[in-house]
Amino acid sequence: MEETLKKINNNEPRINHELFNKARLQKGLSRMKLALEAEVAPQTVNRLLQGKPTRPSNVKKVGEALEIPPLDWYIRD
């Protein structure tokens, strides 16, 4: 329980995973194809699209591959 609270209350910015997934679908890309285009591991794409913590450098690669403006990559509270 305490570990779950730590994960929810950490200071890491939350990825706007719904926007990433919407952009991926609009471009007609599978998760694997997106991983290839962004030059990241397929597991990285899966984590990002699930809203799980992902390295900022990988968020950047996927965001750029999907042509999402950098200001939209993360959810601002």
N, C-alpha and C. Protein backbone atom coordinates (compact mmCIF):
# COMPACT_ATOMS: atom_id res chain seq x y z
N MET A 1 0.83 -1.19 0.00
CA MET A 1 0.00 0.00 0.00
C MET A 1 0.87 1.25 0.00
N GLU A 2 1.85 1.30 0.89
CA GLU A 2 2.72 2.47 0.98
C GLU A 2 3.50 2.67 -0.31
N GLU A 3 3.95 1.58 -0.93
CA GLU A 3 4.68 1.67 -2.19
C GLU A 3 3.78 2.25 -3.29
N THR A 4 2.53 1.86 -3.31
CA THR A 4 1.58 2.39 -4.29
C THR A 4 1.43 3.89 -4.12
N LEU A 5 1.34 4.36 -2.88
CA LEU A 5 1.21 5.79 -2.62
C LEU A 5 2.43 6.55 -3.10
N LYS A 6 3.60 5.98 -2.92
CA LYS A 6 4.82 6.62 -3.39
C LYS A 6 4.78 6.80 -4.91
N LYS A 7 4.31 5.78 -5.61
CA LYS A 7 4.26 5.85 -7.07
C LYS A 7 3.26 6.91 -7.53
N ILE A 8 2.16 7.02 -6.84
CA ILE A 8 1.15 7.99 -7.23
C ILE A 8 1.60 9.41 -6.90
N ASN A 9 2.29 9.58 -5.80
CA ASN A 9 2.64 10.91 -5.32
C ASN A 9 4.04 11.36 -5.72
N ASN A 10 4.71 10.62 -6.58
CA ASN A 10 6.06 11.06 -6.96
C ASN A 10 5.99 12.33 -7.80
N ASN A 11 7.11 12.95 -8.01
CA ASN A 11 7.17 14.22 -8.72
C ASN A 11 7.43 14.08 -10.22
N GLU A 12 7.43 12.86 -10.72
CA GLU A 12 7.67 12.68 -12.15
C GLU A 12 6.48 13.20 -12.94
N PRO A 13 6.74 13.92 -14.02
CA PRO A 13 5.62 14.39 -14.84
C PRO A 13 4.90 13.20 -15.48
N ARG A 14 3.60 13.33 -15.62
CA ARG A 14 2.81 12.26 -16.23
C ARG A 14 2.78 12.45 -17.74
N ILE A 15 3.04 11.38 -18.45
CA ILE A 15 3.03 11.40 -19.91
C ILE A 15 1.60 11.50 -20.41
N ASN A 16 1.39 12.31 -21.42
CA ASN A 16 0.07 12.46 -22.03
C ASN A 16 -0.16 11.27 -22.97
N HIS A 17 -0.27 10.08 -22.38
CA HIS A 17 -0.30 8.84 -23.17
C HIS A 17 -1.52 8.76 -24.09
N GLU A 18 -2.62 9.36 -23.71
CA GLU A 18 -3.80 9.32 -24.59
C GLU A 18 -3.54 10.08 -25.89
N LEU A 19 -2.86 11.22 -25.78
CA LEU A 19 -2.51 11.99 -26.98
C LEU A 19 -1.54 11.21 -27.87
N PHE A 20 -0.55 10.56 -27.25
CA PHE A 20 0.41 9.77 -28.01
C PHE A 20 -0.31 8.64 -28.75
N ASN A 21 -1.22 7.96 -28.05
CA ASN A 21 -1.92 6.85 -28.69
C ASN A 21 -2.84 7.34 -29.80
N LYS A 22 -3.51 8.46 -29.57
CA LYS A 22 -4.39 9.03 -30.61
C LYS A 22 -3.59 9.39 -31.85
N ALA A 23 -2.43 10.03 -31.66
CA ALA A 23 -1.58 10.40 -32.79
C ALA A 23 -1.08 9.16 -33.53
N ARG A 24 -0.73 8.13 -32.78
CA ARG A 24 -0.26 6.87 -33.39
C ARG A 24 -1.35 6.28 -34.26
N LEU A 25 -2.57 6.23 -33.74
CA LEU A 25 -3.68 5.65 -34.50
C LEU A 25 -4.03 6.49 -35.72
N GLN A 26 -3.97 7.81 -35.58
CA GLN A 26 -4.25 8.69 -36.72
C GLN A 26 -3.25 8.49 -37.84
N LYS A 27 -2.02 8.16 -37.48
CA LYS A 27 -0.99 7.92 -38.50
C LYS A 27 -1.03 6.48 -39.02
N GLY A 28 -1.88 5.66 -38.41
CA GLY A 28 -2.00 4.27 -38.86
C GLY A 28 -0.80 3.42 -38.51
N LEU A 29 -0.15 3.74 -37.40
CA LEU A 29 1.06 3.01 -37.00
C LEU A 29 0.75 1.97 -35.94
N SER A 30 1.29 0.79 -36.13
CA SER A 30 1.24 -0.19 -35.06
C SER A 30 2.26 0.22 -34.01
N ARG A 31 2.19 -0.38 -32.86
CA ARG A 31 3.17 -0.08 -31.81
C ARG A 31 4.58 -0.45 -32.28
N MET A 32 4.69 -1.56 -32.97
CA MET A 32 6.00 -2.00 -33.47
C MET A 32 6.54 -1.02 -34.51
N LYS A 33 5.70 -0.60 -35.44
CA LYS A 33 6.14 0.35 -36.48
C LYS A 33 6.56 1.67 -35.84
N LEU A 34 5.83 2.13 -34.84
CA LEU A 34 6.19 3.35 -34.14
C LEU A 34 7.55 3.19 -33.46
N ALA A 35 7.78 2.06 -32.84
CA ALA A 35 9.06 1.80 -32.19
C ALA A 35 10.19 1.87 -33.22
N LEU A 36 9.99 1.29 -34.38
CA LEU A 36 11.00 1.32 -35.43
C LEU A 36 11.25 2.75 -35.91
N GLU A 37 10.17 3.51 -36.13
CA GLU A 37 10.33 4.88 -36.61
C GLU A 37 10.99 5.78 -35.58
N ALA A 38 10.68 5.56 -34.30
CA ALA A 38 11.25 6.39 -33.24
C ALA A 38 12.62 5.89 -32.78
N GLU A 39 13.01 4.71 -33.26
CA GLU A 39 14.27 4.09 -32.89
C GLU A 39 14.37 3.85 -31.39
N VAL A 40 13.29 3.26 -30.86
CA VAL A 40 13.25 2.84 -29.45
C VAL A 40 12.77 1.40 -29.41
N ALA A 41 12.92 0.78 -28.27
CA ALA A 41 12.46 -0.60 -28.10
C ALA A 41 10.94 -0.66 -28.07
N PRO A 42 10.36 -1.74 -28.59
CA PRO A 42 8.91 -1.88 -28.53
C PRO A 42 8.36 -1.78 -27.10
N GLN A 43 9.12 -2.29 -26.14
CA GLN A 43 8.70 -2.20 -24.74
C GLN A 43 8.59 -0.75 -24.28
N THR A 44 9.44 0.10 -24.81
CA THR A 44 9.41 1.52 -24.49
C THR A 44 8.10 2.15 -24.98
N VAL A 45 7.72 1.82 -26.19
CA VAL A 45 6.46 2.33 -26.74
C VAL A 45 5.28 1.83 -25.90
N ASN A 46 5.31 0.56 -25.54
CA ASN A 46 4.23 0.02 -24.72
C ASN A 46 4.13 0.75 -23.39
N ARG A 47 5.26 0.97 -22.73
CA ARG A 47 5.25 1.68 -21.45
C ARG A 47 4.71 3.10 -21.62
N LEU A 48 5.18 3.79 -22.63
CA LEU A 48 4.76 5.17 -22.87
C LEU A 48 3.25 5.23 -23.13
N LEU A 49 2.74 4.33 -23.97
CA LEU A 49 1.32 4.36 -24.31
C LEU A 49 0.43 3.93 -23.16
N GLN A 50 1.02 3.32 -22.14
CA GLN A 50 0.28 2.96 -20.93
C GLN A 50 0.41 4.03 -19.85
N GLY A 51 1.17 5.08 -20.15
CA GLY A 51 1.36 6.16 -19.19
C GLY A 51 2.35 5.85 -18.09
N LYS A 52 3.15 4.84 -18.29
CA LYS A 52 4.14 4.46 -17.28
C LYS A 52 5.39 5.33 -17.42
N PRO A 53 6.16 5.47 -16.34
CA PRO A 53 7.38 6.28 -16.42
C PRO A 53 8.28 5.82 -17.56
N THR A 54 8.74 6.77 -18.33
CA THR A 54 9.58 6.51 -19.50
C THR A 54 10.67 7.58 -19.53
N ARG A 55 11.86 7.20 -19.92
CA ARG A 55 12.96 8.18 -19.99
C ARG A 55 12.57 9.36 -20.87
N PRO A 56 12.87 10.57 -20.41
CA PRO A 56 12.55 11.75 -21.22
C PRO A 56 13.13 11.69 -22.63
N SER A 57 14.32 11.11 -22.78
CA SER A 57 14.91 11.03 -24.12
C SER A 57 14.07 10.15 -25.04
N ASN A 58 13.45 9.11 -24.49
CA ASN A 58 12.58 8.25 -25.29
C ASN A 58 11.23 8.90 -25.57
N VAL A 59 10.72 9.67 -24.60
CA VAL A 59 9.48 10.41 -24.83
C VAL A 59 9.72 11.38 -25.99
N LYS A 60 10.89 12.00 -26.00
CA LYS A 60 11.24 12.95 -27.06
C LYS A 60 11.27 12.25 -28.43
N LYS A 61 11.90 11.10 -28.50
CA LYS A 61 12.00 10.37 -29.77
C LYS A 61 10.62 10.00 -30.31
N VAL A 62 9.78 9.48 -29.42
CA VAL A 62 8.44 9.06 -29.85
C VAL A 62 7.60 10.29 -30.19
N GLY A 63 7.68 11.33 -29.37
CA GLY A 63 6.94 12.56 -29.64
C GLY A 63 7.31 13.16 -30.98
N GLU A 64 8.58 13.17 -31.28
CA GLU A 64 9.03 13.71 -32.57
C GLU A 64 8.57 12.82 -33.73
N ALA A 65 8.61 11.50 -33.53
CA ALA A 65 8.17 10.59 -34.60
C ALA A 65 6.68 10.79 -34.89
N LEU A 66 5.91 11.15 -33.86
CA LEU A 66 4.47 11.36 -34.03
C LEU A 66 4.12 12.81 -34.34
N GLU A 67 5.15 13.67 -34.40
CA GLU A 67 4.98 15.09 -34.68
C GLU A 67 4.08 15.78 -33.66
N ILE A 68 4.26 15.41 -32.40
CA ILE A 68 3.52 16.03 -31.30
C ILE A 68 4.39 17.16 -30.76
N PRO A 69 3.83 18.36 -30.59
CA PRO A 69 4.62 19.47 -30.04
C PRO A 69 5.13 19.14 -28.63
N PRO A 70 6.38 19.48 -28.32
CA PRO A 70 6.96 19.15 -27.01
C PRO A 70 6.12 19.61 -25.82
N LEU A 71 5.45 20.73 -25.91
CA LEU A 71 4.66 21.21 -24.78
C LEU A 71 3.48 20.29 -24.46
N ASP A 72 3.13 19.40 -25.38
CA ASP A 72 2.00 18.49 -25.17
C ASP A 72 2.41 17.10 -24.71
N TRP A 73 3.70 16.85 -24.56
CA TRP A 73 4.17 15.51 -24.19
C TRP A 73 3.76 15.10 -22.78
N TYR A 74 3.68 16.07 -21.88
CA TYR A 74 3.37 15.78 -20.48
C TYR A 74 2.09 16.51 -20.05
N ILE A 75 1.41 15.91 -19.09
CA ILE A 75 0.22 16.53 -18.52
C ILE A 75 0.67 17.48 -17.43
N ARG A 76 0.19 18.70 -17.53
CA ARG A 76 0.51 19.70 -16.52
C ARG A 76 -0.61 19.74 -15.50
N ASP A 77 -0.24 19.67 -14.23
CA ASP A 77 -1.25 19.71 -13.16
C ASP A 77 -1.68 21.11 -12.84
